[in-house]
């Protein structure tokens, strides 16, 4: 008659560790859909938008009685970047449901804005 022999604890730990490592394989990046702006396009667009918003705020403070001083012409920014509003909207919807990607984009936007600020301050 066969008796079941207990498997040594080291073997169990080894098998469990191997399975855990295999199941935690590297994350596969999903391709960005065609209707969504690529990472670099989003960085450039958002950077331009934030610069325009900052300039608008300065104009508002300088010309507090001028209601036109506080407007940002987003259509001009879209045109400059060769995109349409619906592309921006769908891209923001896409990236906002993937916060890790949006964080990467904004990290780069912030970095580039800080680099621009340093070069202006010199």
PDB file of N, CA and C in Angstrom:
ATOM      1  N   UNK A   1       0.828  -1.164   0.000  1.00  0.00           N
ATOM      2  CA  UNK A   1       0.000   0.000   0.000  1.00  0.00           C
ATOM      3  C   UNK A   1       0.890   1.250   0.000  1.00  0.00           C
ATOM      4  N   UNK A   2       0.467   2.226  -0.830  1.00  0.00           N
ATOM      5  CA  UNK A   2       1.239   3.444  -0.914  1.00  0.00           C
ATOM      6  C   UNK A   2       0.850   4.393   0.203  1.00  0.00           C
ATOM      7  N   UNK A   3       1.830   4.970   0.744  1.00  0.00           N
ATOM      8  CA  UNK A   3       1.542   5.981   1.758  1.00  0.00           C
ATOM      9  C   UNK A   3       1.958   7.335   1.199  1.00  0.00           C
ATOM     10  N   UNK A   4       1.191   8.295   1.519  1.00  0.00           N
ATOM     11  CA  UNK A   4       1.519   9.647   1.087  1.00  0.00           C
ATOM     12  C   UNK A   4       2.569  10.211   2.014  1.00  0.00           C
ATOM     13  N   UNK A   5       3.651  10.576   1.402  1.00  0.00           N
ATOM     14  CA  UNK A   5       4.719  11.145   2.207  1.00  0.00           C
ATOM     15  C   UNK A   5       4.582  12.665   2.172  1.00  0.00           C
ATOM     16  N   UNK A   6       4.758  13.302   3.270  1.00  0.00           N
ATOM     17  CA  UNK A   6       4.659  14.757   3.281  1.00  0.00           C
ATOM     18  C   UNK A   6       5.780  15.377   2.438  1.00  0.00           C
ATOM     19  N   UNK A   7       5.401  16.380   1.674  1.00  0.00           N
ATOM     20  CA  UNK A   7       6.376  17.083   0.852  1.00  0.00           C
ATOM     21  C   UNK A   7       7.119  18.047   1.773  1.00  0.00           C
ATOM     22  N   UNK A   8       8.413  18.057   1.666  1.00  0.00           N
ATOM     23  CA  UNK A   8       9.162  18.962   2.544  1.00  0.00           C
ATOM     24  C   UNK A   8       8.735  20.422   2.315  1.00  0.00           C
ATOM     25  N   UNK A   9       8.761  21.152   3.380  1.00  0.00           N
ATOM     26  CA  UNK A   9       8.324  22.549   3.354  1.00  0.00           C
ATOM     27  C   UNK A   9       9.120  23.380   2.346  1.00  0.00           C
ATOM     28  N   UNK A  10      10.381  23.103   2.153  1.00  0.00           N
ATOM     29  CA  UNK A  10      11.191  23.866   1.198  1.00  0.00           C
ATOM     30  C   UNK A  10      10.652  23.711  -0.211  1.00  0.00           C
ATOM     31  N   UNK A  11      10.225  22.498  -0.563  1.00  0.00           N
ATOM     32  CA  UNK A  11       9.681  22.273  -1.902  1.00  0.00           C
ATOM     33  C   UNK A  11       8.373  23.037  -2.084  1.00  0.00           C
ATOM     34  N   UNK A  12       7.539  23.035  -1.072  1.00  0.00           N
ATOM     35  CA  UNK A  12       6.276  23.762  -1.154  1.00  0.00           C
ATOM     36  C   UNK A  12       6.546  25.250  -1.326  1.00  0.00           C
ATOM     37  N   UNK A  13       7.463  25.766  -0.528  1.00  0.00           N
ATOM     38  CA  UNK A  13       7.812  27.178  -0.614  1.00  0.00           C
ATOM     39  C   UNK A  13       8.393  27.516  -1.980  1.00  0.00           C
ATOM     40  N   UNK A  14       9.238  26.621  -2.507  1.00  0.00           N
ATOM     41  CA  UNK A  14       9.840  26.853  -3.818  1.00  0.00           C
ATOM     42  C   UNK A  14       8.771  26.874  -4.916  1.00  0.00           C
ATOM     43  N   UNK A  15       7.872  25.911  -4.895  1.00  0.00           N
ATOM     44  CA  UNK A  15       6.812  25.833  -5.907  1.00  0.00           C
ATOM     45  C   UNK A  15       5.895  27.051  -5.810  1.00  0.00           C
ATOM     46  N   UNK A  16       5.523  27.419  -4.605  1.00  0.00           N
ATOM     47  CA  UNK A  16       4.666  28.592  -4.411  1.00  0.00           C
ATOM     48  C   UNK A  16       5.356  29.861  -4.918  1.00  0.00           C
ATOM     49  N   UNK A  17       6.625  30.014  -4.601  1.00  0.00           N
ATOM     50  CA  UNK A  17       7.374  31.202  -5.049  1.00  0.00           C
ATOM     51  C   UNK A  17       7.474  31.248  -6.567  1.00  0.00           C
ATOM     52  N   UNK A  18       7.738  30.093  -7.191  1.00  0.00           N
ATOM     53  CA  UNK A  18       7.850  30.047  -8.648  1.00  0.00           C
ATOM     54  C   UNK A  18       6.523  30.428  -9.298  1.00  0.00           C
ATOM     55  N   UNK A  19       5.429  29.910  -8.780  1.00  0.00           N
ATOM     56  CA  UNK A  19       4.113  30.248  -9.315  1.00  0.00           C
ATOM     57  C   UNK A  19       3.805  31.733  -9.133  1.00  0.00           C
ATOM     58  N   UNK A  20       4.169  32.260  -7.990  1.00  0.00           N
ATOM     59  CA  UNK A  20       3.923  33.675  -7.725  1.00  0.00           C
ATOM     60  C   UNK A  20       4.722  34.550  -8.675  1.00  0.00           C
ATOM     61  N   UNK A  21       5.981  34.225  -8.890  1.00  0.00           N
ATOM     62  CA  UNK A  21       6.813  35.001  -9.799  1.00  0.00           C
ATOM     63  C   UNK A  21       6.307  34.926 -11.236  1.00  0.00           C
ATOM     64  N   UNK A  22       5.883  33.763 -11.645  1.00  0.00           N
ATOM     65  CA  UNK A  22       5.377  33.609 -13.014  1.00  0.00           C
ATOM     66  C   UNK A  22       4.073  34.374 -13.218  1.00  0.00           C
ATOM     67  N   UNK A  23       3.244  34.396 -12.206  1.00  0.00           N
ATOM     68  CA  UNK A  23       1.957  35.075 -12.353  1.00  0.00           C
ATOM     69  C   UNK A  23       2.104  36.589 -12.293  1.00  0.00           C
ATOM     70  N   UNK A  24       3.197  37.079 -11.767  1.00  0.00           N
ATOM     71  CA  UNK A  24       3.411  38.518 -11.661  1.00  0.00           C
ATOM     72  C   UNK A  24       4.339  39.011 -12.758  1.00  0.00           C
ATOM     73  N   UNK A  25       4.214  38.432 -13.922  1.00  0.00           N
ATOM     74  CA  UNK A  25       5.056  38.843 -15.041  1.00  0.00           C
ATOM     75  C   UNK A  25       4.898  40.314 -15.332  1.00  0.00           C
ATOM     76  N   UNK A  26       5.814  40.866 -16.079  1.00  0.00           N
ATOM     77  CA  UNK A  26       5.792  42.287 -16.398  1.00  0.00           C
ATOM     78  C   UNK A  26       4.463  42.716 -17.005  1.00  0.00           C
ATOM     79  N   UNK A  27       4.080  43.931 -16.651  1.00  0.00           N
ATOM     80  CA  UNK A  27       2.831  44.457 -17.201  1.00  0.00           C
ATOM     81  C   UNK A  27       2.993  44.697 -18.690  1.00  0.00           C
ATOM     82  N   UNK A  28       2.004  44.296 -19.424  1.00  0.00           N
ATOM     83  CA  UNK A  28       2.019  44.541 -20.858  1.00  0.00           C
ATOM     84  C   UNK A  28       1.293  45.853 -21.101  1.00  0.00           C
ATOM     85  N   UNK A  29       1.965  46.754 -21.792  1.00  0.00           N
ATOM     86  CA  UNK A  29       1.331  48.029 -22.096  1.00  0.00           C
ATOM     87  C   UNK A  29       0.340  47.833 -23.235  1.00  0.00           C
ATOM     88  N   UNK A  30      -0.861  48.271 -22.989  1.00  0.00           N
ATOM     89  CA  UNK A  30      -1.866  48.188 -24.036  1.00  0.00           C
ATOM     90  C   UNK A  30      -1.612  49.306 -25.043  1.00  0.00           C
ATOM     91  N   UNK A  31      -1.820  49.038 -26.289  1.00  0.00           N
ATOM     92  CA  UNK A  31      -1.614  50.104 -27.282  1.00  0.00           C
ATOM     93  C   UNK A  31      -2.671  51.193 -27.120  1.00  0.00           C
ATOM     94  N   UNK A  32      -2.249  52.419 -27.336  1.00  0.00           N
ATOM     95  CA  UNK A  32      -3.176  53.551 -27.253  1.00  0.00           C
ATOM     96  C   UNK A  32      -4.056  53.522 -28.494  1.00  0.00           C
ATOM     97  N   UNK A  33      -5.376  53.624 -28.329  1.00  0.00           N
ATOM     98  CA  UNK A  33      -6.273  53.618 -29.491  1.00  0.00           C
ATOM     99  C   UNK A  33      -5.946  54.748 -30.471  1.00  0.00           C
ATOM    100  N   UNK A  34      -6.295  54.545 -31.717  1.00  0.00           N
ATOM    101  CA  UNK A  34      -5.968  55.505 -32.782  1.00  0.00           C
ATOM    102  C   UNK A  34      -6.587  56.879 -32.544  1.00  0.00           C
ATOM    103  N   UNK A  35      -7.750  56.938 -31.909  1.00  0.00           N
ATOM    104  CA  UNK A  35      -8.421  58.220 -31.701  1.00  0.00           C
ATOM    105  C   UNK A  35      -7.870  59.003 -30.498  1.00  0.00           C
ATOM    106  N   UNK A  36      -6.908  58.406 -29.802  1.00  0.00           N
ATOM    107  CA  UNK A  36      -6.330  59.026 -28.610  1.00  0.00           C
ATOM    108  C   UNK A  36      -4.956  59.590 -28.947  1.00  0.00           C
ATOM    109  N   UNK A  37      -4.679  60.796 -28.450  1.00  0.00           N
ATOM    110  CA  UNK A  37      -3.383  61.425 -28.684  1.00  0.00           C
ATOM    111  C   UNK A  37      -2.293  60.634 -27.970  1.00  0.00           C
ATOM    112  N   UNK A  38      -1.157  60.508 -28.616  1.00  0.00           N
ATOM    113  CA  UNK A  38      -0.020  59.798 -28.033  1.00  0.00           C
ATOM    114  C   UNK A  38       0.537  60.587 -26.847  1.00  0.00           C
ATOM    115  N   UNK A  39       1.319  59.909 -26.047  1.00  0.00           N
ATOM    116  CA  UNK A  39       1.919  60.488 -24.846  1.00  0.00           C
ATOM    117  C   UNK A  39       2.592  61.833 -25.145  1.00  0.00           C
ATOM    118  N   UNK A  40       3.486  61.863 -26.127  1.00  0.00           N
ATOM    119  CA  UNK A  40       4.228  63.091 -26.439  1.00  0.00           C
ATOM    120  C   UNK A  40       3.313  64.208 -26.930  1.00  0.00           C
ATOM    121  N   UNK A  41       2.284  63.854 -27.694  1.00  0.00           N
ATOM    122  CA  UNK A  41       1.325  64.865 -28.160  1.00  0.00           C
ATOM    123  C   UNK A  41       0.569  65.467 -26.980  1.00  0.00           C
ATOM    124  N   UNK A  42       0.169  64.615 -26.037  1.00  0.00           N
ATOM    125  CA  UNK A  42      -0.555  65.103 -24.860  1.00  0.00           C
ATOM    126  C   UNK A  42       0.335  66.012 -24.024  1.00  0.00           C
ATOM    127  N   UNK A  43       1.601  65.651 -23.880  1.00  0.00           N
ATOM    128  CA  UNK A  43       2.526  66.477 -23.100  1.00  0.00           C
ATOM    129  C   UNK A  43       2.620  67.867 -23.725  1.00  0.00           C
ATOM    130  N   UNK A  44       2.853  67.920 -25.031  1.00  0.00           N
ATOM    131  CA  UNK A  44       2.996  69.207 -25.720  1.00  0.00           C
ATOM    132  C   UNK A  44       1.714  70.039 -25.609  1.00  0.00           C
ATOM    133  N   UNK A  45       0.573  69.396 -25.835  1.00  0.00           N
ATOM    134  CA  UNK A  45      -0.714  70.098 -25.776  1.00  0.00           C
ATOM    135  C   UNK A  45      -0.991  70.640 -24.378  1.00  0.00           C
ATOM    136  N   UNK A  46      -0.835  69.796 -23.370  1.00  0.00           N
ATOM    137  CA  UNK A  46      -1.115  70.233 -22.002  1.00  0.00           C
ATOM    138  C   UNK A  46      -0.144  71.327 -21.560  1.00  0.00           C
ATOM    139  N   UNK A  47       1.099  71.215 -21.984  1.00  0.00           N
ATOM    140  CA  UNK A  47       2.081  72.254 -21.666  1.00  0.00           C
ATOM    141  C   UNK A  47       1.634  73.592 -22.272  1.00  0.00           C
ATOM    142  N   UNK A  48       1.246  73.569 -23.545  1.00  0.00           N
ATOM    143  CA  UNK A  48       0.772  74.794 -24.206  1.00  0.00           C
ATOM    144  C   UNK A  48      -0.469  75.354 -23.505  1.00  0.00           C
ATOM    145  N   UNK A  49      -1.381  74.468 -23.085  1.00  0.00           N
ATOM    146  CA  UNK A  49      -2.599  74.911 -22.415  1.00  0.00           C
ATOM    147  C   UNK A  49      -2.279  75.574 -21.077  1.00  0.00           C
ATOM    148  N   UNK A  50      -1.383  74.978 -20.320  1.00  0.00           N
ATOM    149  CA  UNK A  50      -1.052  75.539 -19.010  1.00  0.00           C
ATOM    150  C   UNK A  50      -0.283  76.855 -19.139  1.00  0.00           C
ATOM    151  N   UNK A  51       0.556  76.968 -20.135  1.00  0.00           N
ATOM    152  CA  UNK A  51       1.248  78.241 -20.379  1.00  0.00           C
ATOM    153  C   UNK A  51       0.224  79.322 -20.718  1.00  0.00           C
ATOM    154  N   UNK A  52      -0.725  79.001 -21.594  1.00  0.00           N
ATOM    155  CA  UNK A  52      -1.765  79.967 -21.980  1.00  0.00           C
ATOM    156  C   UNK A  52      -2.619  80.362 -20.780  1.00  0.00           C
ATOM    157  N   UNK A  53      -2.955  79.397 -19.940  1.00  0.00           N
ATOM    158  CA  UNK A  53      -3.747  79.702 -18.747  1.00  0.00           C
ATOM    159  C   UNK A  53      -2.966  80.600 -17.787  1.00  0.00           C
ATOM    160  N   UNK A  54      -1.668  80.341 -17.650  1.00  0.00           N
ATOM    161  CA  UNK A  54      -0.832  81.189 -16.798  1.00  0.00           C
ATOM    162  C   UNK A  54      -0.735  82.605 -17.337  1.00  0.00           C
ATOM    163  N   UNK A  55      -0.543  82.723 -18.656  1.00  0.00           N
ATOM    164  CA  UNK A  55      -0.485  84.049 -19.277  1.00  0.00           C
ATOM    165  C   UNK A  55      -1.807  84.782 -19.106  1.00  0.00           C
ATOM    166  N   UNK A  56      -2.900  84.068 -19.221  1.00  0.00           N
ATOM    167  CA  UNK A  56      -4.220  84.669 -19.049  1.00  0.00           C
ATOM    168  C   UNK A  56      -4.382  85.208 -17.635  1.00  0.00           C
ATOM    169  N   UNK A  57      -3.901  84.463 -16.661  1.00  0.00           N
ATOM    170  CA  UNK A  57      -3.978  84.907 -15.270  1.00  0.00           C
ATOM    171  C   UNK A  57      -3.181  86.171 -15.037  1.00  0.00           C
ATOM    172  N   UNK A  58      -2.010  86.257 -15.671  1.00  0.00           N
ATOM    173  CA  UNK A  58      -1.183  87.463 -15.545  1.00  0.00           C
ATOM    174  C   UNK A  58      -1.886  88.644 -16.196  1.00  0.00           C
ATOM    175  N   UNK A  59      -2.453  88.417 -17.391  1.00  0.00           N
ATOM    176  CA  UNK A  59      -3.173  89.507 -18.081  1.00  0.00           C
ATOM    177  C   UNK A  59      -4.353  89.986 -17.240  1.00  0.00           C
ATOM    178  N   UNK A  60      -5.037  89.069 -16.597  1.00  0.00           N
ATOM    179  CA  UNK A  60      -6.184  89.425 -15.768  1.00  0.00           C
ATOM    180  C   UNK A  60      -5.742  90.314 -14.617  1.00  0.00           C
ATOM    181  N   UNK A  61      -4.627  89.962 -14.013  1.00  0.00           N
ATOM    182  CA  UNK A  61      -4.140  90.764 -12.883  1.00  0.00           C
ATOM    183  C   UNK A  61      -3.670  92.139 -13.343  1.00  0.00           C
ATOM    184  N   UNK A  62      -3.104  92.208 -14.545  1.00  0.00           N
ATOM    185  CA  UNK A  62      -2.627  93.489 -15.054  1.00  0.00           C
ATOM    186  C   UNK A  62      -3.780  94.382 -15.512  1.00  0.00           C
ATOM    187  N   UNK A  63      -4.804  93.781 -16.090  1.00  0.00           N
ATOM    188  CA  UNK A  63      -5.947  94.521 -16.627  1.00  0.00           C
ATOM    189  C   UNK A  63      -7.225  94.030 -15.965  1.00  0.00           C
ATOM    190  N   UNK A  64      -7.352  94.287 -14.710  1.00  0.00           N
ATOM    191  CA  UNK A  64      -8.460  93.731 -13.946  1.00  0.00           C
ATOM    192  C   UNK A  64      -9.829  94.170 -14.458  1.00  0.00           C
ATOM    193  N   UNK A  65      -9.906  95.308 -15.132  1.00  0.00           N
ATOM    194  CA  UNK A  65     -11.184  95.801 -15.644  1.00  0.00           C
ATOM    195  C   UNK A  65     -11.479  95.337 -17.067  1.00  0.00           C
ATOM    196  N   UNK A  66     -10.568  94.558 -17.647  1.00  0.00           N
ATOM    197  CA  UNK A  66     -10.747  94.076 -19.021  1.00  0.00           C
ATOM    198  C   UNK A  66     -11.238  92.628 -18.994  1.00  0.00           C
ATOM    199  N   UNK A  67     -12.532  92.392 -19.266  1.00  0.00           N
ATOM    200  CA  UNK A  67     -13.060  91.023 -19.203  1.00  0.00           C
ATOM    201  C   UNK A  67     -12.451  90.093 -20.245  1.00  0.00           C
ATOM    202  N   UNK A  68     -11.924  90.641 -21.334  1.00  0.00           N
ATOM    203  CA  UNK A  68     -11.321  89.802 -22.369  1.00  0.00           C
ATOM    204  C   UNK A  68      -9.937  89.315 -21.958  1.00  0.00           C
ATOM    205  N   UNK A  69      -9.381  89.908 -20.921  1.00  0.00           N
ATOM    206  CA  UNK A  69      -8.038  89.551 -20.497  1.00  0.00           C
ATOM    207  C   UNK A  69      -7.940  88.196 -19.824  1.00  0.00           C
ATOM    208  N   UNK A  70      -9.071  87.635 -19.423  1.00  0.00           N
ATOM    209  CA  UNK A  70      -9.016  86.369 -18.688  1.00  0.00           C
ATOM    210  C   UNK A  70      -9.461  85.161 -19.504  1.00  0.00           C
ATOM    211  N   UNK A  71      -9.497  85.302 -20.815  1.00  0.00           N
ATOM    212  CA  UNK A  71      -9.935  84.182 -21.640  1.00  0.00           C
ATOM    213  C   UNK A  71      -8.744  83.497 -22.305  1.00  0.00           C
ATOM    214  N   UNK A  72      -8.850  82.196 -22.415  1.00  0.00           N
ATOM    215  CA  UNK A  72      -7.844  81.398 -23.110  1.00  0.00           C
ATOM    216  C   UNK A  72      -8.506  80.873 -24.373  1.00  0.00           C
ATOM    217  N   UNK A  73      -7.865  81.086 -25.494  1.00  0.00           N
ATOM    218  CA  UNK A  73      -8.400  80.606 -26.764  1.00  0.00           C
ATOM    219  C   UNK A  73      -7.887  79.188 -27.022  1.00  0.00           C
ATOM    220  N   UNK A  74      -8.642  78.229 -26.499  1.00  0.00           N
ATOM    221  CA  UNK A  74      -8.227  76.837 -26.638  1.00  0.00           C
ATOM    222  C   UNK A  74      -8.244  76.383 -28.100  1.00  0.00           C
ATOM    223  N   UNK A  75      -9.142  76.936 -28.893  1.00  0.00           N
ATOM    224  CA  UNK A  75      -9.184  76.557 -30.306  1.00  0.00           C
ATOM    225  C   UNK A  75      -7.866  76.871 -31.001  1.00  0.00           C
ATOM    226  N   UNK A  76      -7.256  78.001 -30.647  1.00  0.00           N
ATOM    227  CA  UNK A  76      -5.958  78.353 -31.223  1.00  0.00           C
ATOM    228  C   UNK A  76      -4.876  77.365 -30.787  1.00  0.00           C
ATOM    229  N   UNK A  77      -4.951  76.921 -29.551  1.00  0.00           N
ATOM    230  CA  UNK A  77      -3.982  75.936 -29.049  1.00  0.00           C
ATOM    231  C   UNK A  77      -4.162  74.612 -29.777  1.00  0.00           C
ATOM    232  N   UNK A  78      -5.422  74.202 -29.971  1.00  0.00           N
ATOM    233  CA  UNK A  78      -5.681  72.963 -30.711  1.00  0.00           C
ATOM    234  C   UNK A  78      -5.161  73.081 -32.142  1.00  0.00           C
ATOM    235  N   UNK A  79      -5.425  74.237 -32.752  1.00  0.00           N
ATOM    236  CA  UNK A  79      -4.986  74.460 -34.133  1.00  0.00           C
ATOM    237  C   UNK A  79      -3.460  74.419 -34.219  1.00  0.00           C
ATOM    238  N   UNK A  80      -2.791  75.074 -33.294  1.00  0.00           N
ATOM    239  CA  UNK A  80      -1.324  75.093 -33.259  1.00  0.00           C
ATOM    240  C   UNK A  80      -0.759  73.675 -33.169  1.00  0.00           C
ATOM    241  N   UNK A  81      -1.454  72.802 -32.427  1.00  0.00           N
ATOM    242  CA  UNK A  81      -0.997  71.432 -32.229  1.00  0.00           C
ATOM    243  C   UNK A  81      -1.569  70.462 -33.258  1.00  0.00           C
ATOM    244  N   UNK A  82      -2.354  70.986 -34.195  1.00  0.00           N
ATOM    245  CA  UNK A  82      -2.891  70.143 -35.263  1.00  0.00           C
ATOM    246  C   UNK A  82      -3.908  69.116 -34.812  1.00  0.00           C
ATOM    247  N   UNK A  83      -4.690  69.466 -33.804  1.00  0.00           N
ATOM    248  CA  UNK A  83      -5.723  68.537 -33.332  1.00  0.00           C
ATOM    249  C   UNK A  83      -7.061  69.260 -33.233  1.00  0.00           C
ATOM    250  N   UNK A  84      -8.090  68.492 -32.955  1.00  0.00           N
ATOM    251  CA  UNK A  84      -9.438  69.033 -32.768  1.00  0.00           C
ATOM    252  C   UNK A  84      -9.872  68.796 -31.329  1.00  0.00           C
ATOM    253  N   UNK A  85     -10.854  69.560 -30.913  1.00  0.00           N
ATOM    254  CA  UNK A  85     -11.325  69.473 -29.533  1.00  0.00           C
ATOM    255  C   UNK A  85     -11.770  68.059 -29.166  1.00  0.00           C
ATOM    256  N   UNK A  86     -12.458  67.369 -30.080  1.00  0.00           N
ATOM    257  CA  UNK A  86     -12.942  66.027 -29.763  1.00  0.00           C
ATOM    258  C   UNK A  86     -11.772  65.070 -29.508  1.00  0.00           C
ATOM    259  N   UNK A  87     -10.627  65.309 -30.165  1.00  0.00           N
ATOM    260  CA  UNK A  87      -9.459  64.463 -29.920  1.00  0.00           C
ATOM    261  C   UNK A  87      -8.913  64.697 -28.510  1.00  0.00           C
ATOM    262  N   UNK A  88      -8.890  65.966 -28.130  1.00  0.00           N
ATOM    263  CA  UNK A  88      -8.453  66.293 -26.766  1.00  0.00           C
ATOM    264  C   UNK A  88      -9.413  65.678 -25.751  1.00  0.00           C
ATOM    265  N   UNK A  89     -10.715  65.864 -25.971  1.00  0.00           N
ATOM    266  CA  UNK A  89     -11.715  65.340 -25.037  1.00  0.00           C
ATOM    267  C   UNK A  89     -11.622  63.823 -24.909  1.00  0.00           C
ATOM    268  N   UNK A  90     -11.536  63.123 -26.034  1.00  0.00           N
ATOM    269  CA  UNK A  90     -11.482  61.654 -25.958  1.00  0.00           C
ATOM    270  C   UNK A  90     -10.164  61.189 -25.357  1.00  0.00           C
ATOM    271  N   UNK A  91      -9.095  61.939 -25.601  1.00  0.00           N
ATOM    272  CA  UNK A  91      -7.798  61.579 -25.016  1.00  0.00           C
ATOM    273  C   UNK A  91      -7.815  61.770 -23.500  1.00  0.00           C
ATOM    274  N   UNK A  92      -8.408  62.861 -23.042  1.00  0.00           N
ATOM    275  CA  UNK A  92      -8.497  63.085 -21.593  1.00  0.00           C
ATOM    276  C   UNK A  92      -9.381  62.028 -20.934  1.00  0.00           C
ATOM    277  N   UNK A  93     -10.451  61.636 -21.619  1.00  0.00           N
ATOM    278  CA  UNK A  93     -11.306  60.560 -21.085  1.00  0.00           C
ATOM    279  C   UNK A  93     -10.502  59.269 -20.955  1.00  0.00           C
ATOM    280  N   UNK A  94      -9.742  58.945 -21.986  1.00  0.00           N
ATOM    281  CA  UNK A  94      -8.932  57.723 -21.997  1.00  0.00           C
ATOM    282  C   UNK A  94      -7.898  57.754 -20.877  1.00  0.00           C
ATOM    283  N   UNK A  95      -7.116  58.841 -20.819  1.00  0.00           N
ATOM    284  CA  UNK A  95      -6.037  58.905 -19.835  1.00  0.00           C
ATOM    285  C   UNK A  95      -6.556  59.066 -18.407  1.00  0.00           C
ATOM    286  N   UNK A  96      -7.701  59.685 -18.229  1.00  0.00           N
ATOM    287  CA  UNK A  96      -8.236  59.842 -16.876  1.00  0.00           C
ATOM    288  C   UNK A  96      -8.710  58.511 -16.298  1.00  0.00           C
ATOM    289  N   UNK A  97      -8.985  57.539 -17.149  1.00  0.00           N
ATOM    290  CA  UNK A  97      -9.333  56.200 -16.653  1.00  0.00           C
ATOM    291  C   UNK A  97      -8.088  55.332 -16.464  1.00  0.00           C
ATOM    292  N   UNK A  98      -6.928  55.897 -16.771  1.00  0.00           N
ATOM    293  CA  UNK A  98      -5.645  55.218 -16.577  1.00  0.00           C
ATOM    294  C   UNK A  98      -4.708  56.190 -15.845  1.00  0.00           C
ATOM    295  N   UNK A  99      -4.944  56.362 -14.544  1.00  0.00           N
ATOM    296  CA  UNK A  99      -4.227  57.389 -13.790  1.00  0.00           C
ATOM    297  C   UNK A  99      -2.705  57.257 -13.843  1.00  0.00           C
ATOM    298  N   UNK A 100      -2.201  56.039 -13.951  1.00  0.00           N
ATOM    299  CA  UNK A 100      -0.740  55.884 -14.008  1.00  0.00           C
ATOM    300  C   UNK A 100      -0.181  56.512 -15.283  1.00  0.00           C
ATOM    301  N   UNK A 101      -0.900  56.407 -16.387  1.00  0.00           N
ATOM    302  CA  UNK A 101      -0.457  57.034 -17.639  1.00  0.00           C
ATOM    303  C   UNK A 101      -0.597  58.553 -17.568  1.00  0.00           C
ATOM    304  N   UNK A 102      -1.699  59.025 -16.990  1.00  0.00           N
ATOM    305  CA  UNK A 102      -1.903  60.465 -16.859  1.00  0.00           C
ATOM    306  C   UNK A 102      -0.853  61.072 -15.934  1.00  0.00           C
ATOM    307  N   UNK A 103      -0.488  60.354 -14.880  1.00  0.00           N
ATOM    308  CA  UNK A 103       0.570  60.838 -13.990  1.00  0.00           C
ATOM    309  C   UNK A 103       1.898  60.950 -14.723  1.00  0.00           C
ATOM    310  N   UNK A 104       2.209  59.968 -15.567  1.00  0.00           N
ATOM    311  CA  UNK A 104       3.446  60.025 -16.354  1.00  0.00           C
ATOM    312  C   UNK A 104       3.438  61.249 -17.274  1.00  0.00           C
ATOM    313  N   UNK A 105       2.304  61.507 -17.884  1.00  0.00           N
ATOM    314  CA  UNK A 105       2.180  62.661 -18.785  1.00  0.00           C
ATOM    315  C   UNK A 105       2.389  63.950 -18.001  1.00  0.00           C
ATOM    316  N   UNK A 106       1.688  64.075 -16.873  1.00  0.00           N
ATOM    317  CA  UNK A 106       1.804  65.306 -16.094  1.00  0.00           C
ATOM    318  C   UNK A 106       3.181  65.464 -15.445  1.00  0.00           C
ATOM    319  N   UNK A 107       3.831  64.375 -15.091  1.00  0.00           N
ATOM    320  CA  UNK A 107       5.205  64.479 -14.584  1.00  0.00           C
ATOM    321  C   UNK A 107       6.099  65.126 -15.638  1.00  0.00           C
ATOM    322  N   UNK A 108       5.916  64.718 -16.886  1.00  0.00           N
ATOM    323  CA  UNK A 108       6.720  65.289 -17.961  1.00  0.00           C
ATOM    324  C   UNK A 108       6.326  66.742 -18.241  1.00  0.00           C
ATOM    325  N   UNK A 109       5.027  67.052 -18.191  1.00  0.00           N
ATOM    326  CA  UNK A 109       4.563  68.433 -18.391  1.00  0.00           C
ATOM    327  C   UNK A 109       5.203  69.337 -17.327  1.00  0.00           C
ATOM    328  N   UNK A 110       5.131  68.918 -16.081  1.00  0.00           N
ATOM    329  CA  UNK A 110       5.690  69.705 -14.986  1.00  0.00           C
ATOM    330  C   UNK A 110       7.193  69.884 -15.165  1.00  0.00           C
ATOM    331  N   UNK A 111       7.867  68.809 -15.514  1.00  0.00           N
ATOM    332  CA  UNK A 111       9.316  68.874 -15.729  1.00  0.00           C
ATOM    333  C   UNK A 111       9.668  69.875 -16.831  1.00  0.00           C
ATOM    334  N   UNK A 112       8.939  69.819 -17.946  1.00  0.00           N
ATOM    335  CA  UNK A 112       9.212  70.735 -19.057  1.00  0.00           C
ATOM    336  C   UNK A 112       8.867  72.178 -18.700  1.00  0.00           C
ATOM    337  N   UNK A 113       7.795  72.381 -17.938  1.00  0.00           N
ATOM    338  CA  UNK A 113       7.447  73.741 -17.504  1.00  0.00           C
ATOM    339  C   UNK A 113       8.514  74.285 -16.550  1.00  0.00           C
ATOM    340  N   UNK A 114       9.004  73.436 -15.670  1.00  0.00           N
ATOM    341  CA  UNK A 114      10.070  73.878 -14.755  1.00  0.00           C
ATOM    342  C   UNK A 114      11.344  74.185 -15.525  1.00  0.00           C
ATOM    343  N   UNK A 115      11.671  73.377 -16.529  1.00  0.00           N
ATOM    344  CA  UNK A 115      12.857  73.651 -17.353  1.00  0.00           C
ATOM    345  C   UNK A 115      12.709  74.991 -18.069  1.00  0.00           C
ATOM    346  N   UNK A 116      11.515  75.268 -18.583  1.00  0.00           N
ATOM    347  CA  UNK A 116      11.258  76.538 -19.252  1.00  0.00           C
ATOM    348  C   UNK A 116      11.356  77.701 -18.294  1.00  0.00           C
ATOM    349  N   UNK A 117      10.902  77.498 -17.081  1.00  0.00           N
ATOM    350  CA  UNK A 117      10.961  78.549 -16.059  1.00  0.00           C
ATOM    351  C   UNK A 117      12.417  78.867 -15.709  1.00  0.00           C
ATOM    352  N   UNK A 118      13.256  77.828 -15.627  1.00  0.00           N
ATOM    353  CA  UNK A 118      14.668  78.027 -15.319  1.00  0.00           C
ATOM    354  C   UNK A 118      15.372  78.804 -16.441  1.00  0.00           C
ATOM    355  N   UNK A 119      15.028  78.469 -17.682  1.00  0.00           N
ATOM    356  CA  UNK A 119      15.699  79.154 -18.799  1.00  0.00           C
ATOM    357  C   UNK A 119      15.246  80.605 -18.923  1.00  0.00           C
ATOM    358  N   UNK A 120      14.012  80.915 -18.526  1.00  0.00           N
ATOM    359  CA  UNK A 120      13.520  82.292 -18.565  1.00  0.00           C
ATOM    360  C   UNK A 120      14.160  83.098 -17.446  1.00  0.00           C
ATOM    361  N   UNK A 121      14.374  82.458 -16.303  1.00  0.00           N
ATOM    362  CA  UNK A 121      14.935  83.144 -15.147  1.00  0.00           C
ATOM    363  C   UNK A 121      16.416  83.475 -15.274  1.00  0.00           C
ATOM    364  N   UNK A 122      17.092  82.933 -16.265  1.00  0.00           N
ATOM    365  CA  UNK A 122      18.541  83.185 -16.443  1.00  0.00           C
ATOM    366  C   UNK A 122      18.808  84.435 -17.198  1.00  0.00           C
TER     367      UNK A 122
END
